Amino acid sequence: MTRIVATVFSLMILMGHAVPAEAQELYGTLKKISDSGEVVIGYREASPPFSFVNSGGRPQGYSIDLCLYVIEKVKTTLGHPDLAVRYVPVTSATRIPRIVDGTIDIECGSTSHTLDRREEVNFSFLIFLTGTQLLVKKDSGIYDYNDMKDKTVAVTRGTTNATRIREVVELLGIPMEVIEVNDHDEGFQAVKSGESQAYATDGILLHGLIQEAERSDEYTVVGNLISYDPYALMMRRDDSAFRLVVDRTLADLFYNRELLKIYDKWFGPLGVPMSEQLKTSMAIQMHVR
């Protein structure tokens, strides 16, 4: 009987069938999820259209939708269809520590994949491409970075945008005061109140903030992209099994064109079609079929 079982097991491998997760030794995030019976999602409260809280107090957005598909794949992988989902809010300052210390299993927000961050965490396939721009009042007379001379710009602390703005100040020699805020809402409020003349973050997030704002016609996004920011879902380092589940989910969504539907759901209302650069990048990284 033992020889028969061994033969069947070998044939399964030869035929390309995956061994069920229960037959493998779980580790890392998958083991944590299996043992706890829940997946913990880290989300941003004010990063539309990627991750934000709706009027009913529930997290939603493009990144949230992608993570919900990931959870369905995790359920299948583990053979646990009744896994619970718990949401934990994070900020630019807390998102990486909450991944590292195990508070959250995956961050579903608007985080750029950088080499420096990979010293502490890991990332999925990219899910969006954007870059740093400025949100200003339409009547401000600001159309580009040179117009920021002797003015104030707000940036969210701990972001790549803050680094890029300071580099622009130094490179172009523009006398500009840079103030730090805690999140996007605070940055937008600084512009509304006149505390700063601009808020700098990823352009797509600025469009999302304007869409959600009262008197949205009073604001606009200006300036060339001064950074390359590839967004991805964030996970713990040294956890290839969980990352494979996440990447397989994204690859399947792209291959079946479901990802395009999710994209249109959130970016269509903003008038932001999927760029050829993003399509090409996704096709290159998700060449699994």
C-alpha atoms as a PDB file:
ATOM      1  CA  MET A   1       0.000   0.000   0.000  1.00  0.00           C
ATOM      2  CA  THR A   2       2.834   2.395   0.871  1.00  0.00           C
ATOM      3  CA  ARG A   3       4.418   1.750  -2.518  1.00  0.00           C
ATOM      4  CA  ILE A   4       1.087   2.514  -4.247  1.00  0.00           C
ATOM      5  CA  VAL A   5       0.689   5.812  -2.370  1.00  0.00           C
ATOM      6  CA  ALA A   6       4.259   6.784  -3.242  1.00  0.00           C
ATOM      7  CA  THR A   7       3.650   5.930  -6.899  1.00  0.00           C
ATOM      8  CA  VAL A   8       0.450   8.016  -7.041  1.00  0.00           C
ATOM      9  CA  PHE A   9       2.222  10.922  -5.353  1.00  0.00           C
ATOM     10  CA  SER A  10       5.030  10.735  -7.922  1.00  0.00           C
ATOM     11  CA  LEU A  11       2.548  10.601 -10.792  1.00  0.00           C
ATOM     12  CA  MET A  12       0.799  13.704  -9.453  1.00  0.00           C
ATOM     13  CA  ILE A  13       4.073  15.589  -9.543  1.00  0.00           C
ATOM     14  CA  LEU A  14       4.924  14.305 -13.025  1.00  0.00           C
ATOM     15  CA  MET A  15       1.481  15.293 -14.278  1.00  0.00           C
ATOM     16  CA  GLY A  16       1.914  18.801 -12.935  1.00  0.00           C
ATOM     17  CA  HIS A  17      -0.713  18.624 -10.180  1.00  0.00           C
ATOM     18  CA  ALA A  18      -0.039  20.803  -7.163  1.00  0.00           C
ATOM     19  CA  VAL A  19       0.156  19.085  -3.795  1.00  0.00           C
ATOM     20  CA  PRO A  20      -2.586  20.454  -1.503  1.00  0.00           C
ATOM     21  CA  ALA A  21      -1.392  23.011   1.055  1.00  0.00           C
ATOM     22  CA  GLU A  22      -2.370  20.685   3.907  1.00  0.00           C
ATOM     23  CA  ALA A  23       0.075  18.078   2.529  1.00  0.00           C
ATOM     24  CA  GLN A  24       2.893  20.626   2.621  1.00  0.00           C
ATOM     25  CA  GLU A  25       4.585  22.154   5.629  1.00  0.00           C
ATOM     26  CA  LEU A  26       3.135  25.619   6.044  1.00  0.00           C
ATOM     27  CA  TYR A  27       5.298  28.493   7.210  1.00  0.00           C
ATOM     28  CA  GLY A  28       5.236  32.264   7.435  1.00  0.00           C
ATOM     29  CA  THR A  29       2.066  34.128   6.582  1.00  0.00           C
ATOM     30  CA  LEU A  30       0.136  31.104   5.301  1.00  0.00           C
ATOM     31  CA  LYS A  31       0.777  29.267   8.576  1.00  0.00           C
ATOM     32  CA  LYS A  32      -0.210  32.343  10.582  1.00  0.00           C
ATOM     33  CA  ILE A  33      -3.445  32.638   8.620  1.00  0.00           C
ATOM     34  CA  SER A  34      -4.194  28.925   8.884  1.00  0.00           C
ATOM     35  CA  ASP A  35      -3.580  28.897  12.648  1.00  0.00           C
ATOM     36  CA  SER A  36      -5.552  32.089  13.376  1.00  0.00           C
ATOM     37  CA  GLY A  37      -8.399  31.496  10.931  1.00  0.00           C
ATOM     38  CA  GLU A  38      -8.223  35.074   9.631  1.00  0.00           C
ATOM     39  CA  VAL A  39      -6.436  37.301   7.125  1.00  0.00           C
ATOM     40  CA  VAL A  40      -5.487  40.760   8.377  1.00  0.00           C
ATOM     41  CA  ILE A  41      -5.519  43.526   5.769  1.00  0.00           C
ATOM     42  CA  GLY A  42      -3.723  46.803   6.338  1.00  0.00           C
ATOM     43  CA  TYR A  43      -5.508  49.673   4.601  1.00  0.00           C
ATOM     44  CA  ARG A  44      -5.201  53.436   4.166  1.00  0.00           C
ATOM     45  CA  GLU A  45      -8.092  55.578   5.326  1.00  0.00           C
ATOM     46  CA  ALA A  46      -7.567  58.384   2.803  1.00  0.00           C
ATOM     47  CA  SER A  47      -5.835  57.152  -0.368  1.00  0.00           C
ATOM     48  CA  PRO A  48      -8.634  57.140  -2.960  1.00  0.00           C
ATOM     49  CA  PRO A  49      -9.134  55.394  -5.293  1.00  0.00           C
ATOM     50  CA  PHE A  50      -6.734  52.748  -3.968  1.00  0.00           C
ATOM     51  CA  SER A  51      -7.679  52.409  -0.330  1.00  0.00           C
ATOM     52  CA  PHE A  52     -10.085  54.587   1.628  1.00  0.00           C
ATOM     53  CA  VAL A  53     -13.109  54.475   3.901  1.00  0.00           C
ATOM     54  CA  ASN A  54     -16.563  54.881   2.375  1.00  0.00           C
ATOM     55  CA  SER A  55     -19.510  56.698   3.945  1.00  0.00           C
ATOM     56  CA  GLY A  56     -20.440  53.517   5.802  1.00  0.00           C
ATOM     57  CA  GLY A  57     -17.010  53.297   7.418  1.00  0.00           C
ATOM     58  CA  ARG A  58     -15.888  50.300   5.341  1.00  0.00           C
ATOM     59  CA  PRO A  59     -12.520  50.116   3.527  1.00  0.00           C
ATOM     60  CA  GLN A  60     -12.789  50.045  -0.246  1.00  0.00           C
ATOM     61  CA  GLY A  61     -10.806  50.826  -3.382  1.00  0.00           C
ATOM     62  CA  TYR A  62      -8.737  49.343  -6.190  1.00  0.00           C
ATOM     63  CA  SER A  63      -6.100  47.815  -3.899  1.00  0.00           C
ATOM     64  CA  ILE A  64      -8.748  46.504  -1.516  1.00  0.00           C
ATOM     65  CA  ASP A  65     -10.540  44.727  -4.370  1.00  0.00           C
ATOM     66  CA  LEU A  66      -7.281  43.079  -5.469  1.00  0.00           C
ATOM     67  CA  CYS A  67      -6.600  41.916  -1.921  1.00  0.00           C
ATOM     68  CA  LEU A  68     -10.071  40.405  -1.634  1.00  0.00           C
ATOM     69  CA  TYR A  69      -9.261  38.277  -4.681  1.00  0.00           C
ATOM     70  CA  VAL A  70      -5.998  37.297  -2.968  1.00  0.00           C
ATOM     71  CA  ILE A  71      -7.970  36.156   0.071  1.00  0.00           C
ATOM     72  CA  GLU A  72     -10.164  33.935  -2.100  1.00  0.00           C
ATOM     73  CA  LYS A  73      -6.999  32.348  -3.504  1.00  0.00           C
ATOM     74  CA  VAL A  74      -5.655  31.859   0.031  1.00  0.00           C
ATOM     75  CA  LYS A  75      -8.887  30.127   1.040  1.00  0.00           C
ATOM     76  CA  THR A  76      -8.515  27.709  -1.864  1.00  0.00           C
ATOM     77  CA  THR A  77      -4.812  27.171  -1.239  1.00  0.00           C
ATOM     78  CA  LEU A  78      -5.335  26.358   2.434  1.00  0.00           C
ATOM     79  CA  GLY A  79      -8.654  24.578   1.989  1.00  0.00           C
ATOM     80  CA  HIS A  80     -10.227  26.993   4.495  1.00  0.00           C
ATOM     81  CA  PRO A  81     -13.307  28.544   2.824  1.00  0.00           C
ATOM     82  CA  ASP A  82     -14.438  30.174   6.055  1.00  0.00           C
ATOM     83  CA  LEU A  83     -11.401  32.391   6.710  1.00  0.00           C
ATOM     84  CA  ALA A  84     -12.351  35.688   8.356  1.00  0.00           C
ATOM     85  CA  VAL A  85     -11.110  39.073   7.148  1.00  0.00           C
ATOM     86  CA  ARG A  86      -9.997  41.771   9.573  1.00  0.00           C
ATOM     87  CA  TYR A  87      -9.059  45.321   8.581  1.00  0.00           C
ATOM     88  CA  VAL A  88      -6.413  47.391  10.367  1.00  0.00           C
ATOM     89  CA  PRO A  89      -5.790  51.045   9.407  1.00  0.00           C
ATOM     90  CA  VAL A  90      -2.189  52.054   8.703  1.00  0.00           C
ATOM     91  CA  THR A  91      -0.422  55.280   7.774  1.00  0.00           C
ATOM     92  CA  SER A  92       2.715  56.090   5.791  1.00  0.00           C
ATOM     93  CA  ALA A  93       4.649  55.865   9.047  1.00  0.00           C
ATOM     94  CA  THR A  94       3.115  52.634  10.402  1.00  0.00           C
ATOM     95  CA  ARG A  95       2.534  50.491   7.307  1.00  0.00           C
ATOM     96  CA  ILE A  96       6.001  48.908   7.199  1.00  0.00           C
ATOM     97  CA  PRO A  97       6.300  48.334  10.976  1.00  0.00           C
ATOM     98  CA  ARG A  98       2.835  46.699  11.020  1.00  0.00           C
ATOM     99  CA  ILE A  99       3.954  44.262   8.297  1.00  0.00           C
ATOM    100  CA  VAL A 100       7.264  43.523  10.010  1.00  0.00           C
ATOM    101  CA  ASP A 101       5.790  42.920  13.472  1.00  0.00           C
ATOM    102  CA  GLY A 102       2.986  40.703  12.121  1.00  0.00           C
ATOM    103  CA  THR A 103       0.082  43.004  12.962  1.00  0.00           C
ATOM    104  CA  ILE A 104      -1.096  42.820   9.355  1.00  0.00           C
ATOM    105  CA  ASP A 105      -0.563  40.116   6.734  1.00  0.00           C
ATOM    106  CA  ILE A 106      -0.726  42.280   3.625  1.00  0.00           C
ATOM    107  CA  GLU A 107      -0.903  46.018   3.022  1.00  0.00           C
ATOM    108  CA  CYS A 108      -3.491  47.021   0.449  1.00  0.00           C
ATOM    109  CA  GLY A 109      -2.882  50.693  -0.133  1.00  0.00           C
ATOM    110  CA  SER A 110      -0.776  52.969  -2.304  1.00  0.00           C
ATOM    111  CA  THR A 111       2.772  51.957  -1.483  1.00  0.00           C
ATOM    112  CA  SER A 112       5.668  52.267  -3.928  1.00  0.00           C
ATOM    113  CA  HIS A 113       7.969  49.304  -4.419  1.00  0.00           C
ATOM    114  CA  THR A 114      11.521  50.512  -3.692  1.00  0.00           C
ATOM    115  CA  LEU A 115      14.820  48.749  -3.050  1.00  0.00           C
ATOM    116  CA  ASP A 116      15.248  50.537   0.276  1.00  0.00           C
ATOM    117  CA  ARG A 117      11.884  49.227   1.474  1.00  0.00           C
ATOM    118  CA  ARG A 118      12.805  45.723   0.359  1.00  0.00           C
ATOM    119  CA  GLU A 119      15.403  45.693   3.119  1.00  0.00           C
ATOM    120  CA  GLU A 120      12.429  45.293   5.475  1.00  0.00           C
ATOM    121  CA  VAL A 121       9.489  43.977   3.423  1.00  0.00           C
ATOM    122  CA  ASN A 122       8.600  42.383   0.107  1.00  0.00           C
ATOM    123  CA  PHE A 123       6.250  43.317  -2.711  1.00  0.00           C
ATOM    124  CA  SER A 124       3.910  41.726  -5.221  1.00  0.00           C
ATOM    125  CA  PHE A 125       3.821  42.320  -8.949  1.00  0.00           C
ATOM    126  CA  LEU A 126       3.215  46.009  -9.574  1.00  0.00           C
ATOM    127  CA  ILE A 127      -0.429  47.092  -9.702  1.00  0.00           C
ATOM    128  CA  PHE A 128      -0.070  50.729 -10.809  1.00  0.00           C
ATOM    129  CA  LEU A 129       2.441  53.282 -12.122  1.00  0.00           C
ATOM    130  CA  THR A 130       2.417  56.927 -11.101  1.00  0.00           C
ATOM    131  CA  GLY A 131       4.706  59.763  -9.960  1.00  0.00           C
ATOM    132  CA  THR A 132       4.928  62.912  -7.855  1.00  0.00           C
ATOM    133  CA  GLN A 133       2.903  65.989  -8.839  1.00  0.00           C
ATOM    134  CA  LEU A 134       1.337  69.008  -7.103  1.00  0.00           C
ATOM    135  CA  LEU A 135      -2.227  69.680  -5.957  1.00  0.00           C
ATOM    136  CA  VAL A 136      -2.984  73.405  -5.983  1.00  0.00           C
ATOM    137  CA  LYS A 137      -5.884  75.822  -6.110  1.00  0.00           C
ATOM    138  CA  LYS A 138      -6.763  76.713  -9.699  1.00  0.00           C
ATOM    139  CA  ASP A 139      -6.382  80.424  -9.003  1.00  0.00           C
ATOM    140  CA  SER A 140      -2.971  80.020  -7.338  1.00  0.00           C
ATOM    141  CA  GLY A 141      -0.950  80.895 -10.432  1.00  0.00           C
ATOM    142  CA  ILE A 142       1.073  77.684  -9.961  1.00  0.00           C
ATOM    143  CA  TYR A 143       1.567  75.586 -13.077  1.00  0.00           C
ATOM    144  CA  ASP A 144       4.922  73.940 -12.449  1.00  0.00           C
ATOM    145  CA  TYR A 145       7.633  73.597  -9.817  1.00  0.00           C
ATOM    146  CA  ASN A 146       9.339  76.846 -10.818  1.00  0.00           C
ATOM    147  CA  ASP A 147       6.183  78.676  -9.770  1.00  0.00           C
ATOM    148  CA  MET A 148       6.723  77.459  -6.199  1.00  0.00           C
ATOM    149  CA  LYS A 149       9.458  80.034  -5.517  1.00  0.00           C
ATOM    150  CA  ASP A 150       9.107  81.416  -1.953  1.00  0.00           C
ATOM    151  CA  LYS A 151       6.003  79.284  -1.432  1.00  0.00           C
ATOM    152  CA  THR A 152       5.208  76.331   0.840  1.00  0.00           C
ATOM    153  CA  VAL A 153       4.606  72.715  -0.197  1.00  0.00           C
ATOM    154  CA  ALA A 154       3.235  70.014   2.081  1.00  0.00           C
ATOM    155  CA  VAL A 155       4.474  66.407   1.868  1.00  0.00           C
ATOM    156  CA  THR A 156       3.541  63.283   3.801  1.00  0.00           C
ATOM    157  CA  ARG A 157       6.401  62.216   6.047  1.00  0.00           C
ATOM    158  CA  GLY A 158       8.068  58.924   5.271  1.00  0.00           C
ATOM    159  CA  THR A 159       7.115  58.912   1.576  1.00  0.00           C
ATOM    160  CA  THR A 160       9.135  58.818  -1.629  1.00  0.00           C
ATOM    161  CA  ASN A 161       7.356  62.045  -2.599  1.00  0.00           C
ATOM    162  CA  ALA A 162       8.930  63.913   0.318  1.00  0.00           C
ATOM    163  CA  THR A 163      12.363  62.773  -0.844  1.00  0.00           C
ATOM    164  CA  ARG A 164      11.711  63.772  -4.462  1.00  0.00           C
ATOM    165  CA  ILE A 165      10.436  67.259  -3.581  1.00  0.00           C
ATOM    166  CA  ARG A 166      13.536  67.951  -1.488  1.00  0.00           C
ATOM    167  CA  GLU A 167      15.694  66.757  -4.383  1.00  0.00           C
ATOM    168  CA  VAL A 168      13.882  69.148  -6.746  1.00  0.00           C
ATOM    169  CA  VAL A 169      14.390  72.031  -4.321  1.00  0.00           C
ATOM    170  CA  GLU A 170      18.118  71.304  -4.219  1.00  0.00           C
ATOM    171  CA  LEU A 171      18.547  70.489  -7.909  1.00  0.00           C
ATOM    172  CA  LEU A 172      16.620  73.474  -9.290  1.00  0.00           C
ATOM    173  CA  GLY A 173      17.623  75.833  -6.499  1.00  0.00           C
ATOM    174  CA  ILE A 174      14.033  76.891  -5.867  1.00  0.00           C
ATOM    175  CA  PRO A 175      13.597  78.596  -2.468  1.00  0.00           C
ATOM    176  CA  MET A 176      10.622  76.601  -1.210  1.00  0.00           C
ATOM    177  CA  GLU A 177       9.525  75.704   2.303  1.00  0.00           C
ATOM    178  CA  VAL A 178       8.697  72.020   2.777  1.00  0.00           C
ATOM    179  CA  ILE A 179       6.377  71.061   5.641  1.00  0.00           C
ATOM    180  CA  GLU A 180       5.500  67.519   6.688  1.00  0.00           C
ATOM    181  CA  VAL A 181       1.992  66.208   7.335  1.00  0.00           C
ATOM    182  CA  ASN A 182       0.698  62.864   8.577  1.00  0.00           C
ATOM    183  CA  ASP A 183      -1.544  61.828   5.684  1.00  0.00           C
ATOM    184  CA  HIS A 184      -3.250  62.889   2.462  1.00  0.00           C
ATOM    185  CA  ASP A 185      -6.244  64.442   4.171  1.00  0.00           C
ATOM    186  CA  GLU A 186      -3.961  66.661   6.242  1.00  0.00           C
ATOM    187  CA  GLY A 187      -1.980  67.612   3.137  1.00  0.00           C
ATOM    188  CA  PHE A 188      -5.129  68.587   1.243  1.00  0.00           C
ATOM    189  CA  GLN A 189      -6.373  70.522   4.266  1.00  0.00           C
ATOM    190  CA  ALA A 190      -3.117  72.486   4.321  1.00  0.00           C
ATOM    191  CA  VAL A 191      -3.859  73.691   0.791  1.00  0.00           C
ATOM    192  CA  LYS A 192      -7.496  74.438   1.584  1.00  0.00           C
ATOM    193  CA  SER A 193      -6.555  76.535   4.609  1.00  0.00           C
ATOM    194  CA  GLY A 194      -3.707  78.346   2.890  1.00  0.00           C
ATOM    195  CA  GLU A 195      -1.070  76.907   5.215  1.00  0.00           C
ATOM    196  CA  SER A 196       0.669  75.647   2.083  1.00  0.00           C
ATOM    197  CA  GLN A 197       0.215  76.527  -1.568  1.00  0.00           C
ATOM    198  CA  ALA A 198       0.648  72.952  -2.782  1.00  0.00           C
ATOM    199  CA  TYR A 199       0.476  69.359  -1.629  1.00  0.00           C
ATOM    200  CA  ALA A 200       2.884  66.937  -3.286  1.00  0.00           C
ATOM    201  CA  THR A 201       2.180  63.255  -3.651  1.00  0.00           C
ATOM    202  CA  ASP A 202       1.465  60.741  -6.422  1.00  0.00           C
ATOM    203  CA  GLY A 203      -0.596  62.315  -9.167  1.00  0.00           C
ATOM    204  CA  ILE A 204      -3.271  59.631  -9.209  1.00  0.00           C
ATOM    205  CA  LEU A 205      -3.877  60.112  -5.478  1.00  0.00           C
ATOM    206  CA  LEU A 206      -4.259  63.854  -6.005  1.00  0.00           C
ATOM    207  CA  HIS A 207      -6.956  63.236  -8.625  1.00  0.00           C
ATOM    208  CA  GLY A 208      -8.702  60.930  -6.163  1.00  0.00           C
ATOM    209  CA  LEU A 209      -8.570  63.533  -3.383  1.00  0.00           C
ATOM    210  CA  ILE A 210     -10.052  66.189  -5.648  1.00  0.00           C
ATOM    211  CA  GLN A 211     -12.864  63.900  -6.779  1.00  0.00           C
ATOM    212  CA  GLU A 212     -13.861  63.247  -3.157  1.00  0.00           C
ATOM    213  CA  ALA A 213     -13.638  66.914  -2.120  1.00  0.00           C
ATOM    214  CA  GLU A 214     -16.352  69.516  -1.782  1.00  0.00           C
ATOM    215  CA  ARG A 215     -15.966  72.277  -4.397  1.00  0.00           C
ATOM    216  CA  SER A 216     -13.665  69.982  -6.367  1.00  0.00           C
ATOM    217  CA  ASP A 217     -13.698  72.441  -9.290  1.00  0.00           C
ATOM    218  CA  GLU A 218     -11.506  74.803  -7.254  1.00  0.00           C
ATOM    219  CA  TYR A 219      -8.470  72.486  -7.371  1.00  0.00           C
ATOM    220  CA  THR A 220      -6.211  70.984 -10.005  1.00  0.00           C
ATOM    221  CA  VAL A 221      -3.102  68.837 -10.441  1.00  0.00           C
ATOM    222  CA  VAL A 222      -0.023  70.431 -12.019  1.00  0.00           C
ATOM    223  CA  GLY A 223       3.633  69.720 -12.733  1.00  0.00           C
ATOM    224  CA  ASN A 224       5.492  67.035 -14.642  1.00  0.00           C
ATOM    225  CA  LEU A 225       6.041  63.668 -13.000  1.00  0.00           C
ATOM    226  CA  ILE A 226       9.271  63.929 -10.994  1.00  0.00           C
ATOM    227  CA  SER A 227       9.434  60.345  -9.804  1.00  0.00           C
ATOM    228  CA  TYR A 228       8.689  56.801 -10.897  1.00  0.00           C
ATOM    229  CA  ASP A 229       6.433  55.130  -8.365  1.00  0.00           C
ATOM    230  CA  PRO A 230       5.377  51.540  -9.057  1.00  0.00           C
ATOM    231  CA  TYR A 231       2.651  50.563  -6.587  1.00  0.00           C
ATOM    232  CA  ALA A 232       2.479  47.018  -5.253  1.00  0.00           C
ATOM    233  CA  LEU A 233       0.880  45.030  -2.452  1.00  0.00           C
ATOM    234  CA  MET A 234       3.247  44.784   0.514  1.00  0.00           C
ATOM    235  CA  MET A 235       4.084  41.614   2.462  1.00  0.00           C
ATOM    236  CA  ARG A 236       6.712  40.244   4.821  1.00  0.00           C
ATOM    237  CA  ARG A 237      10.207  39.419   3.614  1.00  0.00           C
ATOM    238  CA  ASP A 238      11.442  35.847   3.159  1.00  0.00           C
ATOM    239  CA  ASP A 239       7.934  34.500   2.612  1.00  0.00           C
ATOM    240  CA  SER A 240       7.984  33.170  -0.933  1.00  0.00           C
ATOM    241  CA  ALA A 241       5.011  30.836  -0.442  1.00  0.00           C
ATOM    242  CA  PHE A 242       2.614  33.656   0.409  1.00  0.00           C
ATOM    243  CA  ARG A 243       4.035  35.947  -2.244  1.00  0.00           C
ATOM    244  CA  LEU A 244       3.496  33.202  -4.843  1.00  0.00           C
ATOM    245  CA  VAL A 245      -0.194  33.030  -3.898  1.00  0.00           C
ATOM    246  CA  VAL A 246      -0.482  36.825  -4.218  1.00  0.00           C
ATOM    247  CA  ASP A 247       1.335  36.983  -7.554  1.00  0.00           C
ATOM    248  CA  ARG A 248      -0.629  34.055  -8.976  1.00  0.00           C
ATOM    249  CA  THR A 249      -3.826  35.892  -8.078  1.00  0.00           C
ATOM    250  CA  LEU A 250      -2.721  39.049  -9.895  1.00  0.00           C
ATOM    251  CA  ALA A 251      -1.462  37.056 -12.872  1.00  0.00           C
ATOM    252  CA  ASP A 252      -4.779  35.201 -13.177  1.00  0.00           C
ATOM    253  CA  LEU A 253      -6.716  38.488 -12.970  1.00  0.00           C
ATOM    254  CA  PHE A 254      -4.549  39.970 -15.714  1.00  0.00           C
ATOM    255  CA  TYR A 255      -4.716  36.869 -17.907  1.00  0.00           C
ATOM    256  CA  ASN A 256      -8.512  36.661 -17.605  1.00  0.00           C
ATOM    257  CA  ARG A 257      -8.839  40.439 -18.146  1.00  0.00           C
ATOM    258  CA  GLU A 258     -10.690  40.776 -14.847  1.00  0.00           C
ATOM    259  CA  LEU A 259      -8.001  43.208 -13.752  1.00  0.00           C
ATOM    260  CA  LEU A 260      -9.067  45.593 -16.515  1.00  0.00           C
ATOM    261  CA  LYS A 261     -12.623  45.582 -15.168  1.00  0.00           C
ATOM    262  CA  ILE A 262     -11.412  46.327 -11.639  1.00  0.00           C
ATOM    263  CA  TYR A 263      -9.216  49.109 -13.006  1.00  0.00           C
ATOM    264  CA  ASP A 264     -12.068  50.684 -14.968  1.00  0.00           C
ATOM    265  CA  LYS A 265     -14.333  50.506 -11.914  1.00  0.00           C
ATOM    266  CA  TRP A 266     -12.032  52.780  -9.914  1.00  0.00           C
ATOM    267  CA  PHE A 267     -10.155  54.855 -12.501  1.00  0.00           C
ATOM    268  CA  GLY A 268     -12.850  55.258 -15.135  1.00  0.00           C
ATOM    269  CA  PRO A 269     -14.678  57.929 -13.078  1.00  0.00           C
ATOM    270  CA  LEU A 270     -11.375  59.827 -12.796  1.00  0.00           C
ATOM    271  CA  GLY A 271     -10.876  59.797 -16.549  1.00  0.00           C
ATOM    272  CA  VAL A 272      -7.595  57.883 -16.150  1.00  0.00           C
ATOM    273  CA  PRO A 273      -7.405  55.015 -18.686  1.00  0.00           C
ATOM    274  CA  MET A 274      -4.809  52.309 -18.208  1.00  0.00           C
ATOM    275  CA  SER A 275      -1.646  53.623 -19.860  1.00  0.00           C
ATOM    276  CA  GLU A 276       0.297  51.624 -22.422  1.00  0.00           C
ATOM    277  CA  GLN A 277       3.285  51.760 -20.052  1.00  0.00           C
ATOM    278  CA  LEU A 278       1.248  50.076 -17.303  1.00  0.00           C
ATOM    279  CA  LYS A 279      -0.185  47.485 -19.683  1.00  0.00           C
ATOM    280  CA  THR A 280       3.298  46.663 -20.970  1.00  0.00           C
ATOM    281  CA  SER A 281       4.773  46.471 -17.479  1.00  0.00           C
ATOM    282  CA  MET A 282       2.007  44.144 -16.347  1.00  0.00           C
ATOM    283  CA  ALA A 283       2.360  41.944 -19.434  1.00  0.00           C
ATOM    284  CA  ILE A 284       6.115  41.626 -18.852  1.00  0.00           C
ATOM    285  CA  GLN A 285       5.935  40.794 -15.160  1.00  0.00           C
ATOM    286  CA  MET A 286       2.938  38.468 -15.420  1.00  0.00           C
ATOM    287  CA  HIS A 287       4.279  36.282 -18.248  1.00  0.00           C
ATOM    288  CA  VAL A 288       3.254  33.100 -16.492  1.00  0.00           C
ATOM    289  CA  ARG A 289       1.069  31.489 -19.149  1.00  0.00           C
END
